[in-house]
Amino acid sequence: MLTIASPIFLLLLWEFLSRTGMIDIRFFPPPSAIVSTFFGMISSGEMAGHIGVSLYRIFAGFLLGVIPGIVIGLLMGLYSPIRHFVSPIVMALMPIPTLALLPIIIILFGIGDLSKVITIAGSVFFPVVINTAAGVINIDSIYLDVAKNYGAGKMDFFMKIALPGAMPVMLEGIQMGQAIALLTIVAAEMMGATSGIGYLIWVSYKAFLLQEMYVGLILISFFGYLFSLLLRGIQKKMLPWR
């Protein structure tokens, strides 16, 4: 109840301050007006297109970043030569914001969906690969010794030792990656895009249509909260002991 009450309280406070003129409604329109604008955009069909495009880019980029991140992270954690070879590259590229590379990505892959997907994948990859490698490295060596003594093959090490052992830390990296994916999609769609929630926010801002802009911002917030709940639910299923 407290979890539900806090956003409701914030919205009611915002509505009250807007209706009483304590904040400027030109910059902070009341939530009721924003909701009305949202349903108007839904009924016109405009909103469905923006949401569909953004969700496609988020999911595609997320998977494109998470899957290689898990595989490379497991390899880095299990084999020190791979770790020593890959770590300098990861550590050198990680501090560079993927959005700073967006102009180069657009030059290489155009202004279509592919450039947005690759931008999101690049942002998601680093927290996943680092957390996965750290999770494998922190596995108690006794599990590795037992597996060797029982003649475990490379696939057994991957699937029965490294992956389950790294799972708690790896899922935290994936959780972080989904938040970064939402941040990235908004910024990426503000540059060289003709659709999407980020595009909607930017175009509405430039036209000073702040109610439409707030619709986009609230949608991003909603999807971030929804994805976080879904990942936490998956985490509870996969890690019941936590």
Protein backbone atom coordinates (compact mmCIF):
# COMPACT_ATOMS: atom_id res chain seq x y z
CA MET A 1 0.00 0.00 0.00
CA LEU A 2 2.86 2.37 0.78
CA THR A 3 4.44 1.58 -2.59
CA ILE A 4 1.22 2.57 -4.35
CA ALA A 5 0.57 5.54 -2.06
CA SER A 6 3.84 7.38 -2.76
CA PRO A 7 3.31 8.04 -6.51
CA ILE A 8 -0.39 8.79 -5.94
CA PHE A 9 0.55 11.33 -3.27
CA LEU A 10 3.05 12.95 -5.63
CA LEU A 11 0.48 13.19 -8.43
CA LEU A 12 -2.16 14.65 -6.10
CA LEU A 13 0.32 17.20 -4.81
CA TRP A 14 1.27 18.12 -8.37
CA GLU A 15 -2.43 18.46 -9.30
CA PHE A 16 -3.12 20.65 -6.27
CA LEU A 17 -0.16 22.95 -6.88
CA SER A 18 -1.08 23.32 -10.56
CA ARG A 19 -4.77 24.00 -9.92
CA THR A 20 -4.06 26.57 -7.20
CA GLY A 21 -1.49 28.42 -9.31
CA MET A 22 1.38 27.71 -6.91
CA ILE A 23 3.39 26.38 -9.83
CA ASP A 24 3.27 27.66 -13.42
CA ILE A 25 0.93 25.42 -15.44
CA ARG A 26 2.73 26.48 -18.62
CA PHE A 27 5.69 24.40 -17.47
CA PHE A 28 3.94 21.98 -15.10
CA PRO A 29 0.47 21.17 -16.48
CA PRO A 30 -1.76 19.24 -14.05
CA PRO A 31 -1.60 15.44 -14.28
CA SER A 32 -5.30 15.30 -15.19
CA ALA A 33 -4.58 17.34 -18.32
CA ILE A 34 -1.64 15.09 -19.17
CA VAL A 35 -3.83 11.98 -18.81
CA SER A 36 -6.44 13.57 -21.07
CA THR A 37 -3.75 14.33 -23.66
CA PHE A 38 -2.49 10.74 -23.42
CA PHE A 39 -5.93 9.24 -24.15
CA GLY A 40 -6.38 11.71 -27.00
CA MET A 41 -3.10 10.53 -28.53
CA ILE A 42 -4.12 6.90 -28.00
CA SER A 43 -7.46 7.39 -29.73
CA SER A 44 -5.80 9.11 -32.68
CA GLY A 45 -3.40 6.18 -33.12
CA GLU A 46 -0.33 8.41 -32.80
CA MET A 47 0.86 6.98 -29.49
CA ALA A 48 0.70 3.30 -30.49
CA GLY A 49 3.25 3.86 -33.25
CA HIS A 50 5.72 5.63 -30.96
CA ILE A 51 5.39 3.00 -28.21
CA GLY A 52 5.70 0.07 -30.62
CA VAL A 53 8.84 1.42 -32.29
CA SER A 54 10.55 2.25 -28.99
CA LEU A 55 9.73 -1.12 -27.40
CA TYR A 56 11.06 -2.95 -30.46
CA ARG A 57 14.32 -0.99 -30.31
CA ILE A 58 14.65 -1.52 -26.55
CA PHE A 59 14.08 -5.28 -26.65
CA ALA A 60 16.27 -5.85 -29.71
CA GLY A 61 19.12 -3.73 -28.34
CA PHE A 62 18.76 -5.26 -24.88
CA LEU A 63 19.06 -8.83 -26.21
CA LEU A 64 21.90 -7.86 -28.55
CA GLY A 65 23.82 -6.48 -25.57
CA VAL A 66 22.89 -9.04 -22.90
CA ILE A 67 23.57 -12.29 -24.77
CA PRO A 68 27.17 -11.49 -25.86
CA GLY A 69 27.74 -9.87 -22.45
CA ILE A 70 26.83 -13.10 -20.63
CA VAL A 71 28.90 -15.33 -22.94
CA ILE A 72 32.00 -13.13 -22.86
CA GLY A 73 31.62 -12.54 -19.12
CA LEU A 74 31.51 -16.30 -18.46
CA LEU A 75 34.60 -16.81 -20.61
CA MET A 76 36.44 -14.01 -18.83
CA GLY A 77 35.57 -15.45 -15.45
CA LEU A 78 36.53 -19.04 -16.31
CA TYR A 79 39.71 -18.50 -18.30
CA SER A 80 42.33 -16.02 -17.10
CA PRO A 81 44.05 -15.66 -20.54
CA ILE A 82 40.75 -14.50 -22.03
CA ARG A 83 40.18 -12.22 -19.04
CA HIS A 84 43.63 -10.60 -19.37
CA PHE A 85 43.15 -10.18 -23.13
CA VAL A 86 39.61 -8.73 -23.04
CA SER A 87 39.72 -6.68 -19.80
CA PRO A 88 41.87 -3.80 -21.17
CA ILE A 89 39.50 -3.40 -24.12
CA VAL A 90 36.42 -3.43 -21.89
CA MET A 91 37.95 -1.02 -19.38
CA ALA A 92 39.08 1.35 -22.14
CA LEU A 93 35.71 1.44 -23.92
CA MET A 94 33.41 1.39 -20.89
CA PRO A 95 34.01 5.04 -19.80
CA ILE A 96 33.09 6.30 -23.29
CA PRO A 97 29.34 7.06 -23.31
CA THR A 98 27.69 5.15 -26.13
CA LEU A 99 25.73 8.27 -26.98
CA ALA A 100 29.01 10.05 -27.67
CA LEU A 101 29.59 7.46 -30.40
CA LEU A 102 26.07 7.89 -31.81
CA PRO A 103 27.20 10.16 -34.69
CA ILE A 104 29.68 7.49 -35.81
CA ILE A 105 27.03 4.77 -35.39
CA ILE A 106 24.59 6.78 -37.52
CA ILE A 107 27.26 7.26 -40.21
CA LEU A 108 27.93 3.51 -40.28
CA PHE A 109 24.40 2.15 -39.90
CA GLY A 110 22.13 5.00 -40.98
CA ILE A 111 19.32 6.72 -39.10
CA GLY A 112 16.99 3.72 -39.04
CA ASP A 113 16.26 1.22 -36.31
CA LEU A 114 19.63 -0.55 -36.60
CA SER A 115 21.63 2.41 -35.31
CA LYS A 116 19.31 2.76 -32.29
CA VAL A 117 19.50 -0.97 -31.55
CA ILE A 118 23.30 -0.97 -31.70
CA THR A 119 23.47 2.12 -29.47
CA ILE A 120 21.33 0.41 -26.83
CA ALA A 121 23.29 -2.84 -27.15
CA GLY A 122 26.56 -1.01 -26.56
CA SER A 123 25.19 0.63 -23.43
CA VAL A 124 23.80 -2.62 -22.02
CA PHE A 125 26.81 -4.81 -22.84
CA PHE A 126 29.32 -3.37 -20.37
CA PRO A 127 27.45 -3.70 -17.06
CA VAL A 128 26.40 -7.23 -18.02
CA VAL A 129 29.86 -8.45 -19.03
CA ILE A 130 31.57 -6.91 -15.99
CA ASN A 131 29.02 -8.26 -13.49
CA THR A 132 28.98 -11.70 -15.09
CA ALA A 133 32.78 -11.97 -15.01
CA ALA A 134 32.85 -10.78 -11.40
CA GLY A 135 30.19 -13.34 -10.47
CA VAL A 136 32.20 -16.21 -11.96
CA ILE A 137 35.47 -15.05 -10.38
CA ASN A 138 33.83 -14.95 -6.95
CA ILE A 139 32.59 -18.56 -7.16
CA ASP A 140 34.14 -20.63 -4.39
CA SER A 141 37.03 -22.64 -5.87
CA ILE A 142 35.79 -25.81 -4.16
CA TYR A 143 32.99 -26.06 -6.73
CA LEU A 144 35.50 -25.90 -9.57
CA ASP A 145 37.70 -28.52 -7.90
CA VAL A 146 34.78 -30.91 -7.40
CA ALA A 147 33.74 -30.48 -11.04
CA LYS A 148 37.28 -31.25 -12.22
CA ASN A 149 37.49 -34.31 -9.99
CA TYR A 150 34.27 -35.68 -11.48
CA GLY A 151 35.50 -35.07 -15.03
CA ALA A 152 33.18 -32.22 -15.93
CA GLY A 153 33.50 -31.02 -19.53
CA LYS A 154 33.63 -27.44 -20.72
CA MET A 155 29.88 -27.30 -21.26
CA ASP A 156 29.31 -28.65 -17.74
CA PHE A 157 31.54 -25.90 -16.34
CA PHE A 158 29.51 -23.34 -18.28
CA MET A 159 26.01 -24.58 -17.53
CA LYS A 160 26.33 -26.17 -14.08
CA ILE A 161 29.08 -24.15 -12.37
CA ALA A 162 29.77 -20.79 -13.98
CA LEU A 163 26.26 -19.77 -15.02
CA PRO A 164 24.41 -20.67 -11.77
CA GLY A 165 27.27 -19.34 -9.64
CA ALA A 166 27.39 -16.01 -11.47
CA MET A 167 23.60 -15.69 -11.67
CA PRO A 168 23.02 -13.38 -8.65
CA VAL A 169 25.62 -10.81 -9.71
CA MET A 170 24.81 -11.26 -13.39
CA LEU A 171 21.12 -10.48 -12.85
CA GLU A 172 22.09 -7.29 -11.04
CA GLY A 173 24.04 -6.31 -14.14
CA ILE A 174 21.05 -7.12 -16.34
CA GLN A 175 18.84 -5.02 -14.04
CA MET A 176 21.27 -2.15 -14.45
CA GLY A 177 21.36 -2.74 -18.19
CA GLN A 178 17.60 -2.38 -18.60
CA ALA A 179 17.68 0.99 -16.85
CA ILE A 180 20.52 2.12 -19.10
CA ALA A 181 18.58 0.89 -22.15
CA LEU A 182 15.68 3.20 -21.31
CA LEU A 183 18.01 6.14 -20.78
CA THR A 184 19.75 5.43 -24.05
CA ILE A 185 16.65 5.00 -26.20
CA VAL A 186 15.31 8.43 -25.23
CA ALA A 187 18.57 10.16 -26.11
CA ALA A 188 19.13 8.08 -29.25
CA GLU A 189 15.65 8.84 -30.60
CA MET A 190 16.26 12.55 -30.13
CA MET A 191 18.95 12.35 -32.82
CA GLY A 192 18.22 11.14 -36.31
CA ALA A 193 14.82 9.55 -35.62
CA THR A 194 11.34 10.13 -36.96
CA SER A 195 9.41 8.07 -34.42
CA GLY A 196 9.61 6.71 -30.88
CA ILE A 197 9.02 8.05 -27.39
CA GLY A 198 12.30 9.98 -27.35
CA TYR A 199 11.38 11.58 -30.67
CA LEU A 200 7.97 12.50 -29.24
CA ILE A 201 9.59 14.14 -26.19
CA TRP A 202 12.05 16.15 -28.27
CA VAL A 203 9.57 17.33 -30.91
CA SER A 204 7.00 18.26 -28.24
CA TYR A 205 9.65 20.23 -26.35
CA LYS A 206 10.70 22.16 -29.46
CA ALA A 207 7.05 22.97 -30.24
CA PHE A 208 6.42 23.84 -26.55
CA LEU A 209 3.70 21.19 -26.39
CA LEU A 210 4.56 20.34 -22.81
CA GLN A 211 1.59 18.09 -22.14
CA GLU A 212 2.71 15.78 -24.97
CA MET A 213 6.27 16.00 -23.65
CA TYR A 214 5.16 14.92 -20.18
CA VAL A 215 3.21 12.03 -21.71
CA GLY A 216 6.48 10.74 -23.17
CA LEU A 217 8.38 11.23 -19.91
CA ILE A 218 5.73 9.43 -17.87
CA LEU A 219 5.66 6.55 -20.37
CA ILE A 220 9.41 6.06 -20.02
CA SER A 221 9.03 6.12 -16.24
CA PHE A 222 6.19 3.59 -16.41
CA PHE A 223 8.10 1.18 -18.66
CA GLY A 224 11.19 1.48 -16.46
CA TYR A 225 9.17 0.51 -13.39
CA LEU A 226 7.38 -2.30 -15.26
CA PHE A 227 10.60 -3.80 -16.63
CA SER A 228 12.19 -3.58 -13.19
CA LEU A 229 9.28 -5.52 -11.67
CA LEU A 230 9.48 -8.16 -14.40
CA LEU A 231 13.22 -8.66 -13.91
CA ARG A 232 12.81 -8.86 -10.15
CA GLY A 233 10.09 -11.47 -10.63
CA ILE A 234 12.42 -13.49 -12.88
CA GLN A 235 15.17 -13.11 -10.30
CA LYS A 236 12.94 -14.52 -7.56
CA LYS A 237 12.05 -17.50 -9.75
CA MET A 238 15.63 -18.22 -10.73
CA LEU A 239 17.15 -17.48 -7.32
CA PRO A 240 14.52 -18.63 -4.79
CA TRP A 241 17.15 -18.87 -2.02
CA ARG A 242 17.64 -15.10 -2.18
